[in-house]
Amino acid sequence: MFSPSPGEMLIILLIAILLFGEKLPEVARTIGKKVMELQQGFRSLEREFRLSMESAGEPKKSTVKEDNLEHEEATAPKFEPPPAA
């Protein structure tokens, strides 16, 4: 994740003050509102995804015990070393 150092934060703040000046509080407020809307959209999307997963239901589990099933065990070929010359 992006984590700016204090020095980088200071440089960003100075650039913002130079670019926006007196409008900086208004710009910050607008950006804050947009970030909140974006977070709410993600929460809504996550909620809809979870509801759709719940409505699809969990897969049914088999009622047959695995002990009763016949399994063929995998076997590897027997190792035979090459003949000594």
PDB file of N, CA and C in Angstrom:
ATOM      1  N   MET A   1       0.844  -1.169   0.000  1.00  0.00           N
ATOM      2  CA  MET A   1       0.000   0.000   0.000  1.00  0.00           C
ATOM      3  C   MET A   1       0.890   1.233   0.000  1.00  0.00           C
ATOM      4  N   PHE A   2       0.389   2.320  -0.522  1.00  0.00           N
ATOM      5  CA  PHE A   2       1.116   3.577  -0.616  1.00  0.00           C
ATOM      6  C   PHE A   2       1.157   4.249   0.748  1.00  0.00           C
ATOM      7  N   SER A   3       2.348   4.548   1.233  1.00  0.00           N
ATOM      8  CA  SER A   3       2.497   5.203   2.526  1.00  0.00           C
ATOM      9  C   SER A   3       3.578   6.276   2.407  1.00  0.00           C
ATOM     10  N   PRO A   4       3.165   7.537   2.181  1.00  0.00           N
ATOM     11  CA  PRO A   4       4.154   8.603   2.018  1.00  0.00           C
ATOM     12  C   PRO A   4       4.827   8.955   3.343  1.00  0.00           C
ATOM     13  N   SER A   5       6.080   9.352   3.252  1.00  0.00           N
ATOM     14  CA  SER A   5       6.819   9.774   4.438  1.00  0.00           C
ATOM     15  C   SER A   5       6.385  11.193   4.817  1.00  0.00           C
ATOM     16  N   PRO A   6       6.730  11.637   6.033  1.00  0.00           N
ATOM     17  CA  PRO A   6       6.354  13.005   6.437  1.00  0.00           C
ATOM     18  C   PRO A   6       6.902  14.075   5.489  1.00  0.00           C
ATOM     19  N   GLY A   7       8.105  13.874   4.974  1.00  0.00           N
ATOM     20  CA  GLY A   7       8.678  14.840   4.034  1.00  0.00           C
ATOM     21  C   GLY A   7       7.874  14.920   2.747  1.00  0.00           C
ATOM     22  N   GLU A   8       7.447  13.774   2.255  1.00  0.00           N
ATOM     23  CA  GLU A   8       6.629  13.751   1.039  1.00  0.00           C
ATOM     24  C   GLU A   8       5.276  14.408   1.281  1.00  0.00           C
ATOM     25  N   MET A   9       4.710  14.172   2.459  1.00  0.00           N
ATOM     26  CA  MET A   9       3.420  14.794   2.797  1.00  0.00           C
ATOM     27  C   MET A   9       3.550  16.322   2.812  1.00  0.00           C
ATOM     28  N   LEU A  10       4.658  16.824   3.363  1.00  0.00           N
ATOM     29  CA  LEU A  10       4.881  18.269   3.419  1.00  0.00           C
ATOM     30  C   LEU A  10       5.000  18.850   2.015  1.00  0.00           C
ATOM     31  N   ILE A  11       5.708  18.177   1.143  1.00  0.00           N
ATOM     32  CA  ILE A  11       5.860  18.648  -0.240  1.00  0.00           C
ATOM     33  C   ILE A  11       4.504  18.658  -0.946  1.00  0.00           C
ATOM     34  N   ILE A  12       3.711  17.609  -0.755  1.00  0.00           N
ATOM     35  CA  ILE A  12       2.378  17.553  -1.366  1.00  0.00           C
ATOM     36  C   ILE A  12       1.507  18.690  -0.846  1.00  0.00           C
ATOM     37  N   LEU A  13       1.577  18.956   0.459  1.00  0.00           N
ATOM     38  CA  LEU A  13       0.796  20.046   1.057  1.00  0.00           C
ATOM     39  C   LEU A  13       1.219  21.400   0.482  1.00  0.00           C
ATOM     40  N   LEU A  14       2.512  21.630   0.346  1.00  0.00           N
ATOM     41  CA  LEU A  14       2.991  22.900  -0.216  1.00  0.00           C
ATOM     42  C   LEU A  14       2.540  23.071  -1.666  1.00  0.00           C
ATOM     43  N   ILE A  15       2.613  22.016  -2.443  1.00  0.00           N
ATOM     44  CA  ILE A  15       2.160  22.092  -3.839  1.00  0.00           C
ATOM     45  C   ILE A  15       0.663  22.372  -3.893  1.00  0.00           C
ATOM     46  N   ALA A  16      -0.110  21.725  -3.014  1.00  0.00           N
ATOM     47  CA  ALA A  16      -1.555  21.953  -2.980  1.00  0.00           C
ATOM     48  C   ALA A  16      -1.865  23.402  -2.622  1.00  0.00           C
ATOM     49  N   ILE A  17      -1.137  23.956  -1.661  1.00  0.00           N
ATOM     50  CA  ILE A  17      -1.359  25.359  -1.275  1.00  0.00           C
ATOM     51  C   ILE A  17      -1.019  26.285  -2.436  1.00  0.00           C
ATOM     52  N   LEU A  18       0.069  26.006  -3.133  1.00  0.00           N
ATOM     53  CA  LEU A  18       0.451  26.850  -4.272  1.00  0.00           C
ATOM     54  C   LEU A  18      -0.569  26.760  -5.407  1.00  0.00           C
ATOM     55  N   LEU A  19      -1.089  25.562  -5.657  1.00  0.00           N
ATOM     56  CA  LEU A  19      -2.029  25.387  -6.766  1.00  0.00           C
ATOM     57  C   LEU A  19      -3.418  25.934  -6.453  1.00  0.00           C
ATOM     58  N   PHE A  20      -3.925  25.658  -5.261  1.00  0.00           N
ATOM     59  CA  PHE A  20      -5.317  25.979  -4.968  1.00  0.00           C
ATOM     60  C   PHE A  20      -5.496  27.201  -4.074  1.00  0.00           C
ATOM     61  N   GLY A  21      -4.500  27.559  -3.306  1.00  0.00           N
ATOM     62  CA  GLY A  21      -4.564  28.759  -2.483  1.00  0.00           C
ATOM     63  C   GLY A  21      -5.793  28.826  -1.608  1.00  0.00           C
ATOM     64  N   GLU A  22      -6.625  29.871  -1.826  1.00  0.00           N
ATOM     65  CA  GLU A  22      -7.805  30.098  -0.989  1.00  0.00           C
ATOM     66  C   GLU A  22      -8.877  29.040  -1.210  1.00  0.00           C
ATOM     67  N   LYS A  23      -8.853  28.370  -2.346  1.00  0.00           N
ATOM     68  CA  LYS A  23      -9.867  27.350  -2.634  1.00  0.00           C
ATOM     69  C   LYS A  23      -9.509  25.986  -2.032  1.00  0.00           C
ATOM     70  N   LEU A  24      -8.381  25.903  -1.337  1.00  0.00           N
ATOM     71  CA  LEU A  24      -7.931  24.618  -0.799  1.00  0.00           C
ATOM     72  C   LEU A  24      -8.961  23.960   0.124  1.00  0.00           C
ATOM     73  N   PRO A  25      -9.596  24.679   1.058  1.00  0.00           N
ATOM     74  CA  PRO A  25     -10.609  24.023   1.899  1.00  0.00           C
ATOM     75  C   PRO A  25     -11.774  23.459   1.083  1.00  0.00           C
ATOM     76  N   GLU A  26     -12.204  24.204   0.075  1.00  0.00           N
ATOM     77  CA  GLU A  26     -13.307  23.740  -0.772  1.00  0.00           C
ATOM     78  C   GLU A  26     -12.892  22.500  -1.572  1.00  0.00           C
ATOM     79  N   VAL A  27     -11.684  22.508  -2.109  1.00  0.00           N
ATOM     80  CA  VAL A  27     -11.184  21.365  -2.873  1.00  0.00           C
ATOM     81  C   VAL A  27     -11.044  20.145  -1.963  1.00  0.00           C
ATOM     82  N   ALA A  28     -10.509  20.338  -0.763  1.00  0.00           N
ATOM     83  CA  ALA A  28     -10.352  19.228   0.183  1.00  0.00           C
ATOM     84  C   ALA A  28     -11.708  18.657   0.575  1.00  0.00           C
ATOM     85  N   ARG A  29     -12.682  19.526   0.779  1.00  0.00           N
ATOM     86  CA  ARG A  29     -14.036  19.080   1.132  1.00  0.00           C
ATOM     87  C   ARG A  29     -14.641  18.254  -0.008  1.00  0.00           C
ATOM     88  N   THR A  30     -14.473  18.729  -1.236  1.00  0.00           N
ATOM     89  CA  THR A  30     -14.996  18.015  -2.401  1.00  0.00           C
ATOM     90  C   THR A  30     -14.325  16.650  -2.553  1.00  0.00           C
ATOM     91  N   ILE A  31     -13.018  16.620  -2.388  1.00  0.00           N
ATOM     92  CA  ILE A  31     -12.296  15.343  -2.486  1.00  0.00           C
ATOM     93  C   ILE A  31     -12.754  14.395  -1.381  1.00  0.00           C
ATOM     94  N   GLY A  32     -12.940  14.911  -0.172  1.00  0.00           N
ATOM     95  CA  GLY A  32     -13.415  14.088   0.937  1.00  0.00           C
ATOM     96  C   GLY A  32     -14.778  13.486   0.655  1.00  0.00           C
ATOM     97  N   LYS A  33     -15.685  14.294   0.078  1.00  0.00           N
ATOM     98  CA  LYS A  33     -17.022  13.789  -0.258  1.00  0.00           C
ATOM     99  C   LYS A  33     -16.945  12.691  -1.314  1.00  0.00           C
ATOM    100  N   LYS A  34     -16.099  12.899  -2.316  1.00  0.00           N
ATOM    101  CA  LYS A  34     -15.964  11.898  -3.381  1.00  0.00           C
ATOM    102  C   LYS A  34     -15.377  10.591  -2.842  1.00  0.00           C
ATOM    103  N   VAL A  35     -14.426  10.694  -1.925  1.00  0.00           N
ATOM    104  CA  VAL A  35     -13.845   9.490  -1.325  1.00  0.00           C
ATOM    105  C   VAL A  35     -14.906   8.746  -0.518  1.00  0.00           C
ATOM    106  N   MET A  36     -15.740   9.483   0.226  1.00  0.00           N
ATOM    107  CA  MET A  36     -16.821   8.854   0.998  1.00  0.00           C
ATOM    108  C   MET A  36     -17.812   8.156   0.067  1.00  0.00           C
ATOM    109  N   GLU A  37     -18.168   8.796  -1.045  1.00  0.00           N
ATOM    110  CA  GLU A  37     -19.083   8.177  -2.008  1.00  0.00           C
ATOM    111  C   GLU A  37     -18.479   6.903  -2.592  1.00  0.00           C
ATOM    112  N   LEU A  38     -17.196   6.937  -2.866  1.00  0.00           N
ATOM    113  CA  LEU A  38     -16.516   5.764  -3.404  1.00  0.00           C
ATOM    114  C   LEU A  38     -16.527   4.621  -2.387  1.00  0.00           C
ATOM    115  N   GLN A  39     -16.253   4.932  -1.121  1.00  0.00           N
ATOM    116  CA  GLN A  39     -16.274   3.905  -0.076  1.00  0.00           C
ATOM    117  C   GLN A  39     -17.673   3.325   0.090  1.00  0.00           C
ATOM    118  N   GLN A  40     -18.688   4.176   0.044  1.00  0.00           N
ATOM    119  CA  GLN A  40     -20.065   3.690   0.161  1.00  0.00           C
ATOM    120  C   GLN A  40     -20.421   2.797  -1.024  1.00  0.00           C
ATOM    121  N   GLY A  41     -19.942   3.146  -2.202  1.00  0.00           N
ATOM    122  CA  GLY A  41     -20.179   2.315  -3.379  1.00  0.00           C
ATOM    123  C   GLY A  41     -19.537   0.944  -3.231  1.00  0.00           C
ATOM    124  N   PHE A  42     -18.317   0.906  -2.703  1.00  0.00           N
ATOM    125  CA  PHE A  42     -17.646  -0.378  -2.479  1.00  0.00           C
ATOM    126  C   PHE A  42     -18.389  -1.210  -1.440  1.00  0.00           C
ATOM    127  N   ARG A  43     -18.853  -0.561  -0.368  1.00  0.00           N
ATOM    128  CA  ARG A  43     -19.616  -1.293   0.657  1.00  0.00           C
ATOM    129  C   ARG A  43     -20.903  -1.856   0.069  1.00  0.00           C
ATOM    130  N   SER A  44     -21.578  -1.061  -0.749  1.00  0.00           N
ATOM    131  CA  SER A  44     -22.816  -1.515  -1.381  1.00  0.00           C
ATOM    132  C   SER A  44     -22.541  -2.694  -2.311  1.00  0.00           C
ATOM    133  N   LEU A  45     -21.480  -2.605  -3.078  1.00  0.00           N
ATOM    134  CA  LEU A  45     -21.102  -3.684  -3.982  1.00  0.00           C
ATOM    135  C   LEU A  45     -20.773  -4.955  -3.201  1.00  0.00           C
ATOM    136  N   GLU A  46     -20.042  -4.793  -2.104  1.00  0.00           N
ATOM    137  CA  GLU A  46     -19.697  -5.948  -1.268  1.00  0.00           C
ATOM    138  C   GLU A  46     -20.957  -6.573  -0.664  1.00  0.00           C
ATOM    139  N   ARG A  47     -21.884  -5.740  -0.214  1.00  0.00           N
ATOM    140  CA  ARG A  47     -23.135  -6.227   0.377  1.00  0.00           C
ATOM    141  C   ARG A  47     -23.941  -7.014  -0.663  1.00  0.00           C
ATOM    142  N   GLU A  48     -24.047  -6.482  -1.878  1.00  0.00           N
ATOM    143  CA  GLU A  48     -24.776  -7.170  -2.946  1.00  0.00           C
ATOM    144  C   GLU A  48     -24.104  -8.496  -3.301  1.00  0.00           C
ATOM    145  N   PHE A  49     -22.784  -8.508  -3.322  1.00  0.00           N
ATOM    146  CA  PHE A  49     -22.056  -9.734  -3.631  1.00  0.00           C
ATOM    147  C   PHE A  49     -22.320 -10.793  -2.565  1.00  0.00           C
ATOM    148  N   ARG A  50     -22.268 -10.390  -1.299  1.00  0.00           N
ATOM    149  CA  ARG A  50     -22.515 -11.350  -0.217  1.00  0.00           C
ATOM    150  C   ARG A  50     -23.942 -11.877  -0.267  1.00  0.00           C
ATOM    151  N   LEU A  51     -24.899 -11.004  -0.545  1.00  0.00           N
ATOM    152  CA  LEU A  51     -26.289 -11.449  -0.632  1.00  0.00           C
ATOM    153  C   LEU A  51     -26.481 -12.424  -1.784  1.00  0.00           C
ATOM    154  N   SER A  52     -25.842 -12.160  -2.910  1.00  0.00           N
ATOM    155  CA  SER A  52     -25.986 -13.074  -4.047  1.00  0.00           C
ATOM    156  C   SER A  52     -25.336 -14.418  -3.749  1.00  0.00           C
ATOM    157  N   MET A  53     -24.228 -14.403  -3.011  1.00  0.00           N
ATOM    158  CA  MET A  53     -23.582 -15.661  -2.644  1.00  0.00           C
ATOM    159  C   MET A  53     -24.453 -16.446  -1.658  1.00  0.00           C
ATOM    160  N   GLU A  54     -25.094 -15.741  -0.728  1.00  0.00           N
ATOM    161  CA  GLU A  54     -25.958 -16.409   0.242  1.00  0.00           C
ATOM    162  C   GLU A  54     -27.207 -16.968  -0.430  1.00  0.00           C
ATOM    163  N   SER A  55     -27.750 -16.232  -1.401  1.00  0.00           N
ATOM    164  CA  SER A  55     -28.963 -16.698  -2.066  1.00  0.00           C
ATOM    165  C   SER A  55     -28.672 -17.899  -2.962  1.00  0.00           C
ATOM    166  N   ALA A  56     -27.441 -18.000  -3.456  1.00  0.00           N
ATOM    167  CA  ALA A  56     -27.068 -19.154  -4.269  1.00  0.00           C
ATOM    168  C   ALA A  56     -26.992 -20.404  -3.401  1.00  0.00           C
ATOM    169  N   GLY A  57     -26.769 -20.221  -2.128  1.00  0.00           N
ATOM    170  CA  GLY A  57     -26.715 -21.344  -1.194  1.00  0.00           C
ATOM    171  C   GLY A  57     -25.376 -22.040  -1.232  1.00  0.00           C
ATOM    172  N   GLU A  58     -25.132 -22.755  -0.164  1.00  0.00           N
ATOM    173  CA  GLU A  58     -23.901 -23.525  -0.082  1.00  0.00           C
ATOM    174  C   GLU A  58     -24.104 -24.852  -0.793  1.00  0.00           C
ATOM    175  N   PRO A  59     -23.061 -25.406  -1.350  1.00  0.00           N
ATOM    176  CA  PRO A  59     -23.208 -26.702  -2.022  1.00  0.00           C
ATOM    177  C   PRO A  59     -23.608 -27.777  -1.015  1.00  0.00           C
ATOM    178  N   LYS A  60     -24.458 -28.687  -1.480  1.00  0.00           N
ATOM    179  CA  LYS A  60     -24.923 -29.748  -0.595  1.00  0.00           C
ATOM    180  C   LYS A  60     -23.793 -30.732  -0.347  1.00  0.00           C
ATOM    181  N   LYS A  61     -23.719 -31.176   0.900  1.00  0.00           N
ATOM    182  CA  LYS A  61     -22.695 -32.137   1.270  1.00  0.00           C
ATOM    183  C   LYS A  61     -23.198 -33.539   0.971  1.00  0.00           C
ATOM    184  N   SER A  62     -22.291 -34.400   0.636  1.00  0.00           N
ATOM    185  CA  SER A  62     -22.635 -35.782   0.341  1.00  0.00           C
ATOM    186  C   SER A  62     -23.053 -36.491   1.623  1.00  0.00           C
ATOM    187  N   THR A  63     -24.079 -37.325   1.521  1.00  0.00           N
ATOM    188  CA  THR A  63     -24.533 -38.068   2.692  1.00  0.00           C
ATOM    189  C   THR A  63     -23.817 -39.398   2.814  1.00  0.00           C
ATOM    190  N   VAL A  64     -23.034 -39.781   1.819  1.00  0.00           N
ATOM    191  CA  VAL A  64     -22.298 -41.039   1.843  1.00  0.00           C
ATOM    192  C   VAL A  64     -20.986 -40.812   2.580  1.00  0.00           C
ATOM    193  N   LYS A  65     -20.695 -41.686   3.535  1.00  0.00           N
ATOM    194  CA  LYS A  65     -19.439 -41.565   4.258  1.00  0.00           C
ATOM    195  C   LYS A  65     -18.296 -41.998   3.354  1.00  0.00           C
ATOM    196  N   GLU A  66     -17.181 -41.348   3.488  1.00  0.00           N
ATOM    197  CA  GLU A  66     -16.044 -41.673   2.633  1.00  0.00           C
ATOM    198  C   GLU A  66     -15.465 -43.038   2.952  1.00  0.00           C
ATOM    199  N   ASP A  67     -15.667 -43.537   4.171  1.00  0.00           N
ATOM    200  CA  ASP A  67     -15.136 -44.850   4.536  1.00  0.00           C
ATOM    201  C   ASP A  67     -15.787 -45.953   3.711  1.00  0.00           C
ATOM    202  N   ASN A  68     -17.019 -45.739   3.302  1.00  0.00           N
ATOM    203  CA  ASN A  68     -17.748 -46.764   2.572  1.00  0.00           C
ATOM    204  C   ASN A  68     -17.410 -46.790   1.085  1.00  0.00           C
ATOM    205  N   LEU A  69     -16.748 -45.769   0.602  1.00  0.00           N
ATOM    206  CA  LEU A  69     -16.422 -45.704  -0.821  1.00  0.00           C
ATOM    207  C   LEU A  69     -15.211 -46.571  -1.121  1.00  0.00           C
ATOM    208  N   GLU A  70     -15.236 -47.206  -2.264  1.00  0.00           N
ATOM    209  CA  GLU A  70     -14.093 -48.010  -2.679  1.00  0.00           C
ATOM    210  C   GLU A  70     -13.119 -47.103  -3.417  1.00  0.00           C
ATOM    211  N   HIS A  71     -11.899 -47.119  -2.959  1.00  0.00           N
ATOM    212  CA  HIS A  71     -10.861 -46.286  -3.569  1.00  0.00           C
ATOM    213  C   HIS A  71      -9.764 -47.183  -4.100  1.00  0.00           C
ATOM    214  N   GLU A  72      -9.271 -46.841  -5.252  1.00  0.00           N
ATOM    215  CA  GLU A  72      -8.078 -47.504  -5.753  1.00  0.00           C
ATOM    216  C   GLU A  72      -6.900 -46.638  -5.364  1.00  0.00           C
ATOM    217  N   GLU A  73      -5.955 -47.244  -4.689  1.00  0.00           N
ATOM    218  CA  GLU A  73      -4.790 -46.487  -4.269  1.00  0.00           C
ATOM    219  C   GLU A  73      -3.820 -46.373  -5.431  1.00  0.00           C
ATOM    220  N   ALA A  74      -3.270 -45.209  -5.588  1.00  0.00           N
ATOM    221  CA  ALA A  74      -2.296 -44.991  -6.648  1.00  0.00           C
ATOM    222  C   ALA A  74      -0.996 -45.669  -6.252  1.00  0.00           C
ATOM    223  N   THR A  75      -0.413 -46.373  -7.170  1.00  0.00           N
ATOM    224  CA  THR A  75       0.860 -47.035  -6.896  1.00  0.00           C
ATOM    225  C   THR A  75       1.884 -46.560  -7.897  1.00  0.00           C
ATOM    226  N   ALA A  76       3.084 -46.421  -7.421  1.00  0.00           N
ATOM    227  CA  ALA A  76       4.179 -46.014  -8.292  1.00  0.00           C
ATOM    228  C   ALA A  76       4.869 -47.268  -8.804  1.00  0.00           C
ATOM    229  N   PRO A  77       5.456 -47.207  -9.988  1.00  0.00           N
ATOM    230  CA  PRO A  77       6.175 -48.384 -10.483  1.00  0.00           C
ATOM    231  C   PRO A  77       7.366 -48.694  -9.577  1.00  0.00           C
ATOM    232  N   LYS A  78       7.678 -49.966  -9.469  1.00  0.00           N
ATOM    233  CA  LYS A  78       8.784 -50.393  -8.632  1.00  0.00           C
ATOM    234  C   LYS A  78      10.085 -49.895  -9.245  1.00  0.00           C
ATOM    235  N   PHE A  79      10.949 -49.360  -8.388  1.00  0.00           N
ATOM    236  CA  PHE A  79      12.234 -48.842  -8.863  1.00  0.00           C
ATOM    237  C   PHE A  79      13.199 -49.994  -9.056  1.00  0.00           C
ATOM    238  N   GLU A  80      13.732 -50.081 -10.235  1.00  0.00           N
ATOM    239  CA  GLU A  80      14.750 -51.087 -10.521  1.00  0.00           C
ATOM    240  C   GLU A  80      16.002 -50.357 -10.971  1.00  0.00           C
ATOM    241  N   PRO A  81      17.071 -50.468 -10.199  1.00  0.00           N
ATOM    242  CA  PRO A  81      18.302 -49.771 -10.588  1.00  0.00           C
ATOM    243  C   PRO A  81      18.866 -50.364 -11.873  1.00  0.00           C
ATOM    244  N   PRO A  82      19.550 -49.551 -12.646  1.00  0.00           N
ATOM    245  CA  PRO A  82      20.136 -50.060 -13.888  1.00  0.00           C
ATOM    246  C   PRO A  82      21.187 -51.126 -13.568  1.00  0.00           C
ATOM    247  N   PRO A  83      21.325 -52.091 -14.454  1.00  0.00           N
ATOM    248  CA  PRO A  83      22.311 -53.153 -14.197  1.00  0.00           C
ATOM    249  C   PRO A  83      23.731 -52.593 -14.161  1.00  0.00           C
ATOM    250  N   ALA A  84      24.512 -53.125 -13.246  1.00  0.00           N
ATOM    251  CA  ALA A  84      25.905 -52.679 -13.118  1.00  0.00           C
ATOM    252  C   ALA A  84      26.716 -53.260 -14.267  1.00  0.00           C
ATOM    253  N   ALA A  85      27.545 -52.466 -14.858  1.00  0.00           N
ATOM    254  CA  ALA A  85      28.339 -52.944 -15.993  1.00  0.00           C
ATOM    255  C   ALA A  85      29.673 -53.468 -15.567  1.00  0.00           C
TER     256      ALA A  85
END
